[in-house]
């Protein structure tokens, strides 16, 4: 069994603790929303998506709604 170069790079990055890659399926609308919100938080989209899923999508949207109310 051989390991392709990308798989080897992923394994190395994970072992060294540099980053963990997360793959998820998102609709086009969700991806556009993630891009917009990532820009608001001055983050890369991938970092934003990881944070969003760690917090939970429902919890994240509740936090965003509360934040929007404080800004209004």
N, C-alpha and C. Protein backbone atom coordinates (compact mmCIF):
# COMPACT_ATOMS: atom_id res chain seq x y z
N UNK A 1 0.84 -1.17 0.00
CA UNK A 1 0.00 0.00 0.00
C UNK A 1 0.89 1.24 0.00
N UNK A 2 0.59 2.17 -0.87
CA UNK A 2 1.36 3.40 -0.93
C UNK A 2 0.52 4.56 -0.42
N UNK A 3 1.21 5.55 0.07
CA UNK A 3 0.53 6.75 0.55
C UNK A 3 0.79 7.86 -0.43
N UNK A 4 -0.27 8.47 -0.92
CA UNK A 4 -0.09 9.57 -1.86
C UNK A 4 0.53 10.76 -1.14
N UNK A 5 1.10 11.66 -1.91
CA UNK A 5 1.74 12.83 -1.31
C UNK A 5 0.78 13.66 -0.46
N UNK A 6 -0.43 13.97 -0.95
CA UNK A 6 -1.33 14.76 -0.09
C UNK A 6 -1.68 14.05 1.21
N UNK A 7 -1.90 12.75 1.15
CA UNK A 7 -2.23 12.00 2.38
C UNK A 7 -1.06 12.03 3.35
N UNK A 8 0.16 11.92 2.82
CA UNK A 8 1.34 11.97 3.67
C UNK A 8 1.48 13.34 4.32
N UNK A 9 1.20 14.40 3.55
CA UNK A 9 1.27 15.75 4.11
C UNK A 9 0.24 15.95 5.20
N UNK A 10 -0.96 15.42 5.00
CA UNK A 10 -2.02 15.53 6.01
C UNK A 10 -1.60 14.80 7.27
N UNK A 11 -1.06 13.59 7.12
CA UNK A 11 -0.63 12.81 8.28
C UNK A 11 0.47 13.55 9.04
N UNK A 12 1.42 14.11 8.31
CA UNK A 12 2.52 14.84 8.95
C UNK A 12 2.00 16.06 9.69
N UNK A 13 1.11 16.80 9.07
CA UNK A 13 0.57 18.00 9.71
C UNK A 13 -0.22 17.64 10.96
N UNK A 14 -0.97 16.55 10.90
CA UNK A 14 -1.76 16.14 12.05
C UNK A 14 -0.85 15.67 13.18
N UNK A 15 0.17 14.88 12.84
CA UNK A 15 1.08 14.37 13.86
C UNK A 15 1.87 15.49 14.52
N UNK A 16 2.23 16.50 13.76
CA UNK A 16 3.01 17.60 14.33
C UNK A 16 2.13 18.59 15.08
N UNK A 17 0.82 18.43 15.01
CA UNK A 17 -0.08 19.31 15.73
C UNK A 17 -0.29 20.66 15.06
N UNK A 18 0.14 20.80 13.81
CA UNK A 18 -0.01 22.08 13.14
C UNK A 18 -1.46 22.43 12.86
N UNK A 19 -2.21 21.45 12.42
CA UNK A 19 -3.59 21.71 12.06
C UNK A 19 -4.29 20.38 11.90
N UNK A 20 -5.57 20.42 11.99
CA UNK A 20 -6.38 19.24 11.70
C UNK A 20 -7.35 19.65 10.60
N UNK A 21 -7.38 18.86 9.55
CA UNK A 21 -8.26 19.17 8.44
C UNK A 21 -9.65 18.62 8.74
N UNK A 22 -10.64 19.41 8.45
CA UNK A 22 -12.02 19.02 8.67
C UNK A 22 -12.75 19.15 7.34
N UNK A 23 -13.39 18.07 6.94
CA UNK A 23 -14.16 18.09 5.72
C UNK A 23 -15.64 18.03 6.07
N UNK A 24 -16.42 18.92 5.53
CA UNK A 24 -17.86 18.88 5.75
C UNK A 24 -18.55 19.31 4.46
N UNK A 25 -19.76 18.86 4.32
CA UNK A 25 -20.54 19.21 3.14
C UNK A 25 -21.42 20.40 3.51
N UNK A 26 -21.30 21.46 2.75
CA UNK A 26 -22.09 22.66 3.02
C UNK A 26 -22.79 23.07 1.74
N UNK A 27 -23.99 23.58 1.89
CA UNK A 27 -24.71 24.09 0.73
C UNK A 27 -24.03 25.38 0.26
N UNK A 28 -24.32 25.78 -0.95
CA UNK A 28 -23.74 27.01 -1.48
C UNK A 28 -24.14 28.21 -0.63
N UNK A 29 -25.40 28.23 -0.19
CA UNK A 29 -25.86 29.35 0.65
C UNK A 29 -25.11 29.38 1.98
N UNK A 30 -24.92 28.20 2.59
CA UNK A 30 -24.18 28.14 3.86
C UNK A 30 -22.74 28.56 3.68
N UNK A 31 -22.13 28.16 2.56
CA UNK A 31 -20.75 28.53 2.30
C UNK A 31 -20.62 30.04 2.11
N UNK A 32 -21.55 30.64 1.38
CA UNK A 32 -21.52 32.09 1.19
C UNK A 32 -21.70 32.82 2.52
N UNK A 33 -22.61 32.29 3.36
CA UNK A 33 -22.81 32.89 4.68
C UNK A 33 -21.54 32.76 5.53
N UNK A 34 -20.89 31.60 5.45
CA UNK A 34 -19.65 31.38 6.19
C UNK A 34 -18.56 32.35 5.73
N UNK A 35 -18.48 32.58 4.42
CA UNK A 35 -17.48 33.53 3.91
C UNK A 35 -17.75 34.94 4.43
N UNK A 36 -19.02 35.34 4.43
CA UNK A 36 -19.38 36.68 4.90
C UNK A 36 -19.08 36.83 6.39
N UNK A 37 -19.47 35.84 7.18
CA UNK A 37 -19.25 35.93 8.62
C UNK A 37 -17.76 35.82 8.97
N UNK A 38 -17.02 35.02 8.21
CA UNK A 38 -15.58 34.92 8.44
C UNK A 38 -14.91 36.27 8.21
N UNK A 39 -15.35 36.97 7.17
CA UNK A 39 -14.78 38.29 6.90
C UNK A 39 -15.09 39.26 8.04
N UNK A 40 -16.29 39.15 8.62
CA UNK A 40 -16.66 40.02 9.74
C UNK A 40 -15.77 39.76 10.95
N UNK A 41 -15.40 38.49 11.14
CA UNK A 41 -14.56 38.13 12.29
C UNK A 41 -13.07 38.16 11.95
N UNK A 42 -12.74 38.59 10.72
CA UNK A 42 -11.36 38.66 10.26
C UNK A 42 -10.66 37.30 10.40
N UNK A 43 -11.32 36.27 9.88
CA UNK A 43 -10.78 34.91 9.92
C UNK A 43 -10.78 34.32 8.52
N UNK A 44 -10.02 33.26 8.35
CA UNK A 44 -10.12 32.47 7.13
C UNK A 44 -11.41 31.66 7.23
N UNK A 45 -11.98 31.31 6.10
CA UNK A 45 -13.23 30.55 6.10
C UNK A 45 -13.06 29.21 6.81
N UNK A 46 -11.95 28.53 6.58
CA UNK A 46 -11.75 27.22 7.21
C UNK A 46 -11.70 27.34 8.73
N UNK A 47 -11.04 28.36 9.25
CA UNK A 47 -10.99 28.57 10.70
C UNK A 47 -12.37 28.91 11.24
N UNK A 48 -13.11 29.69 10.49
CA UNK A 48 -14.45 30.06 10.91
C UNK A 48 -15.36 28.84 10.96
N UNK A 49 -15.30 27.99 9.94
CA UNK A 49 -16.16 26.79 9.90
C UNK A 49 -15.82 25.87 11.06
N UNK A 50 -14.53 25.67 11.34
CA UNK A 50 -14.16 24.83 12.49
C UNK A 50 -14.72 25.39 13.78
N UNK A 51 -14.59 26.69 13.98
CA UNK A 51 -15.10 27.31 15.21
C UNK A 51 -16.62 27.19 15.28
N UNK A 52 -17.27 27.38 14.16
CA UNK A 52 -18.72 27.30 14.13
C UNK A 52 -19.20 25.91 14.52
N UNK A 53 -18.55 24.88 14.00
CA UNK A 53 -18.98 23.52 14.33
C UNK A 53 -18.58 23.11 15.73
N UNK A 54 -17.50 23.67 16.25
CA UNK A 54 -17.15 23.39 17.65
C UNK A 54 -18.20 23.97 18.58
N UNK A 55 -18.65 25.16 18.30
CA UNK A 55 -19.66 25.81 19.14
C UNK A 55 -21.04 25.23 18.90
N UNK A 56 -21.23 24.61 17.78
CA UNK A 56 -22.55 24.11 17.40
C UNK A 56 -23.25 25.15 16.56
N UNK A 57 -23.82 24.71 15.49
CA UNK A 57 -24.44 25.65 14.56
C UNK A 57 -25.56 26.44 15.24
N UNK A 58 -26.42 25.76 15.99
CA UNK A 58 -27.54 26.46 16.64
C UNK A 58 -27.03 27.47 17.66
N UNK A 59 -26.06 27.07 18.45
CA UNK A 59 -25.48 27.97 19.43
C UNK A 59 -24.81 29.16 18.78
N UNK A 60 -24.13 28.90 17.66
CA UNK A 60 -23.46 29.97 16.95
C UNK A 60 -24.46 31.00 16.43
N UNK A 61 -25.54 30.51 15.82
CA UNK A 61 -26.53 31.43 15.27
C UNK A 61 -27.22 32.22 16.39
N UNK A 62 -27.42 31.59 17.55
CA UNK A 62 -28.00 32.31 18.69
C UNK A 62 -27.05 33.40 19.16
N UNK A 63 -25.74 33.09 19.20
CA UNK A 63 -24.75 34.10 19.57
C UNK A 63 -24.76 35.26 18.58
N UNK A 64 -24.86 34.94 17.29
CA UNK A 64 -24.88 35.99 16.26
C UNK A 64 -26.11 36.87 16.41
N UNK A 65 -27.26 36.27 16.71
CA UNK A 65 -28.50 37.04 16.88
C UNK A 65 -28.38 37.97 18.09
N UNK A 66 -27.81 37.47 19.18
CA UNK A 66 -27.63 38.29 20.37
C UNK A 66 -26.67 39.44 20.10
N UNK A 67 -25.62 39.15 19.35
CA UNK A 67 -24.64 40.18 19.00
C UNK A 67 -25.27 41.25 18.12
N UNK A 68 -26.10 40.82 17.18
CA UNK A 68 -26.77 41.77 16.29
C UNK A 68 -27.69 42.69 17.08
N UNK A 69 -28.33 42.16 18.11
CA UNK A 69 -29.23 42.98 18.93
C UNK A 69 -28.45 44.03 19.72
N UNK A 70 -27.25 43.68 20.17
CA UNK A 70 -26.45 44.64 20.94
C UNK A 70 -25.90 45.74 20.04
N UNK A 71 -25.70 45.42 18.77
CA UNK A 71 -25.19 46.42 17.82
C UNK A 71 -26.28 47.36 17.34
N UNK A 72 -27.53 46.92 17.41
CA UNK A 72 -28.65 47.74 16.88
C UNK A 72 -29.06 48.85 17.80
